[in-house]
Amino acid sequence: MMTETWIGAALGLVAGAGLGWLFFRLLALNTRLYATGQAMAAAALHLGRLGGVAATLLGVVLIGGALPLLAVLAGFLLVRPPLIRRYGRA
């Protein structure tokens, strides 16, 4: 039982890192769309990004519970600093 819990947490960490990478890459695309005047496409992408993350987090908590949810959130947040370093703050 204990091993399954940690395997679920490890998978959640990896899944969260992938989700975070996708989220922040789409955020960069979203910024480009707003900057080029494609506000409708940017708004749709913005809603899709937020809805996708909310649905994923809800699915994780319903299937796995608290520990996998925390692991997904940790993976999501671990990806942010390297991406900011790579693409800069502005």
C-alpha atoms as a PDB file:
ATOM      1  CA  MET A   1       0.000   0.000   0.000  1.00  0.00           C
ATOM      2  CA  MET A   2       2.759   2.443   0.872  1.00  0.00           C
ATOM      3  CA  THR A   3       4.639   1.783  -2.365  1.00  0.00           C
ATOM      4  CA  GLU A   4       1.524   2.544  -4.438  1.00  0.00           C
ATOM      5  CA  THR A   5       1.173   5.871  -2.671  1.00  0.00           C
ATOM      6  CA  TRP A   6       4.720   6.929  -3.499  1.00  0.00           C
ATOM      7  CA  ILE A   7       4.454   5.685  -7.072  1.00  0.00           C
ATOM      8  CA  GLY A   8       1.301   7.787  -7.452  1.00  0.00           C
ATOM      9  CA  ALA A   9       3.106  10.782  -6.011  1.00  0.00           C
ATOM     10  CA  ALA A  10       6.080  10.298  -8.344  1.00  0.00           C
ATOM     11  CA  LEU A  11       3.792   9.991 -11.357  1.00  0.00           C
ATOM     12  CA  GLY A  12       1.952  13.088 -10.174  1.00  0.00           C
ATOM     13  CA  LEU A  13       5.217  15.000  -9.964  1.00  0.00           C
ATOM     14  CA  VAL A  14       6.135  14.035 -13.529  1.00  0.00           C
ATOM     15  CA  ALA A  15       2.624  14.772 -14.794  1.00  0.00           C
ATOM     16  CA  GLY A  16       2.650  18.127 -13.015  1.00  0.00           C
ATOM     17  CA  ALA A  17       5.969  19.030 -14.588  1.00  0.00           C
ATOM     18  CA  GLY A  18       4.569  18.210 -18.021  1.00  0.00           C
ATOM     19  CA  LEU A  19       1.399  20.149 -17.309  1.00  0.00           C
ATOM     20  CA  GLY A  20       3.388  23.124 -16.061  1.00  0.00           C
ATOM     21  CA  TRP A  21       5.676  23.085 -19.090  1.00  0.00           C
ATOM     22  CA  LEU A  22       2.666  23.023 -21.429  1.00  0.00           C
ATOM     23  CA  PHE A  23       0.888  25.733 -19.438  1.00  0.00           C
ATOM     24  CA  PHE A  24       3.827  28.145 -19.502  1.00  0.00           C
ATOM     25  CA  ARG A  25       4.638  27.445 -23.158  1.00  0.00           C
ATOM     26  CA  LEU A  26       1.031  28.240 -24.029  1.00  0.00           C
ATOM     27  CA  LEU A  27       1.325  31.360 -21.884  1.00  0.00           C
ATOM     28  CA  ALA A  28       4.187  32.515 -24.108  1.00  0.00           C
ATOM     29  CA  LEU A  29       2.045  31.842 -27.186  1.00  0.00           C
ATOM     30  CA  ASN A  30      -0.826  33.682 -25.523  1.00  0.00           C
ATOM     31  CA  THR A  31       1.398  36.712 -24.975  1.00  0.00           C
ATOM     32  CA  ARG A  32       2.448  36.703 -28.629  1.00  0.00           C
ATOM     33  CA  LEU A  33      -1.188  36.530 -29.732  1.00  0.00           C
ATOM     34  CA  TYR A  34      -2.128  39.511 -27.555  1.00  0.00           C
ATOM     35  CA  ALA A  35       0.915  41.451 -28.798  1.00  0.00           C
ATOM     36  CA  THR A  36       0.043  40.887 -32.461  1.00  0.00           C
ATOM     37  CA  GLY A  37      -3.558  42.026 -32.022  1.00  0.00           C
ATOM     38  CA  GLN A  38      -5.237  38.625 -32.157  1.00  0.00           C
ATOM     39  CA  ALA A  39      -7.256  39.224 -29.018  1.00  0.00           C
ATOM     40  CA  MET A  40     -10.054  36.729 -29.731  1.00  0.00           C
ATOM     41  CA  ALA A  41      -7.646  33.854 -30.314  1.00  0.00           C
ATOM     42  CA  ALA A  42      -5.656  34.887 -27.250  1.00  0.00           C
ATOM     43  CA  ALA A  43      -8.769  35.028 -25.081  1.00  0.00           C
ATOM     44  CA  ALA A  44      -9.865  31.576 -26.283  1.00  0.00           C
ATOM     45  CA  LEU A  45      -6.406  30.163 -25.594  1.00  0.00           C
ATOM     46  CA  HIS A  46      -6.400  31.823 -22.186  1.00  0.00           C
ATOM     47  CA  LEU A  47      -9.710  30.191 -21.243  1.00  0.00           C
ATOM     48  CA  GLY A  48      -8.493  26.867 -22.624  1.00  0.00           C
ATOM     49  CA  ARG A  49      -5.285  27.005 -20.587  1.00  0.00           C
ATOM     50  CA  LEU A  50      -7.057  27.766 -17.342  1.00  0.00           C
ATOM     51  CA  GLY A  51      -9.844  25.286 -17.999  1.00  0.00           C
ATOM     52  CA  GLY A  52      -7.372  22.547 -18.874  1.00  0.00           C
ATOM     53  CA  VAL A  53      -5.390  23.047 -15.695  1.00  0.00           C
ATOM     54  CA  ALA A  54      -8.540  23.193 -13.557  1.00  0.00           C
ATOM     55  CA  ALA A  55      -9.923  20.015 -15.145  1.00  0.00           C
ATOM     56  CA  THR A  56      -6.616  18.195 -14.725  1.00  0.00           C
ATOM     57  CA  LEU A  57      -6.275  19.166 -11.074  1.00  0.00           C
ATOM     58  CA  LEU A  58      -9.889  18.206 -10.391  1.00  0.00           C
ATOM     59  CA  GLY A  59      -9.367  14.844 -12.099  1.00  0.00           C
ATOM     60  CA  VAL A  60      -6.234  14.170 -10.075  1.00  0.00           C
ATOM     61  CA  VAL A  61      -7.918  14.944  -6.773  1.00  0.00           C
ATOM     62  CA  LEU A  62     -10.959  12.817  -7.616  1.00  0.00           C
ATOM     63  CA  ILE A  63      -8.879   9.845  -8.738  1.00  0.00           C
ATOM     64  CA  GLY A  64      -5.871  10.022  -6.433  1.00  0.00           C
ATOM     65  CA  GLY A  65      -6.590  12.265  -3.488  1.00  0.00           C
ATOM     66  CA  ALA A  66      -4.450  14.803  -1.681  1.00  0.00           C
ATOM     67  CA  LEU A  67      -0.925  13.416  -2.106  1.00  0.00           C
ATOM     68  CA  PRO A  68      -1.034  13.099  -5.916  1.00  0.00           C
ATOM     69  CA  LEU A  69      -2.622  16.554  -6.088  1.00  0.00           C
ATOM     70  CA  LEU A  70       0.211  18.051  -4.057  1.00  0.00           C
ATOM     71  CA  ALA A  71       2.729  16.217  -6.234  1.00  0.00           C
ATOM     72  CA  VAL A  72       1.138  17.597  -9.416  1.00  0.00           C
ATOM     73  CA  LEU A  73       1.187  21.104  -7.967  1.00  0.00           C
ATOM     74  CA  ALA A  74       4.836  20.682  -6.938  1.00  0.00           C
ATOM     75  CA  GLY A  75       5.789  19.501 -10.427  1.00  0.00           C
ATOM     76  CA  PHE A  76       3.858  22.396 -11.938  1.00  0.00           C
ATOM     77  CA  LEU A  77       5.730  24.897  -9.784  1.00  0.00           C
ATOM     78  CA  LEU A  78       9.144  23.258 -10.260  1.00  0.00           C
ATOM     79  CA  VAL A  79       8.992  23.910 -14.004  1.00  0.00           C
ATOM     80  CA  ARG A  80       8.317  27.636 -13.684  1.00  0.00           C
ATOM     81  CA  PRO A  81      11.755  28.965 -12.595  1.00  0.00           C
ATOM     82  CA  PRO A  82      13.759  27.279 -15.403  1.00  0.00           C
ATOM     83  CA  LEU A  83      11.296  28.513 -18.009  1.00  0.00           C
ATOM     84  CA  ILE A  84      11.434  32.051 -16.643  1.00  0.00           C
ATOM     85  CA  ARG A  85      15.218  31.911 -16.641  1.00  0.00           C
ATOM     86  CA  ARG A  86      15.195  30.677 -20.218  1.00  0.00           C
ATOM     87  CA  TYR A  87      12.717  33.208 -21.619  1.00  0.00           C
ATOM     88  CA  GLY A  88      13.369  36.135 -19.297  1.00  0.00           C
ATOM     89  CA  ARG A  89      11.008  38.092 -17.120  1.00  0.00           C
ATOM     90  CA  ALA A  90       9.774  40.527 -19.750  1.00  0.00           C
END
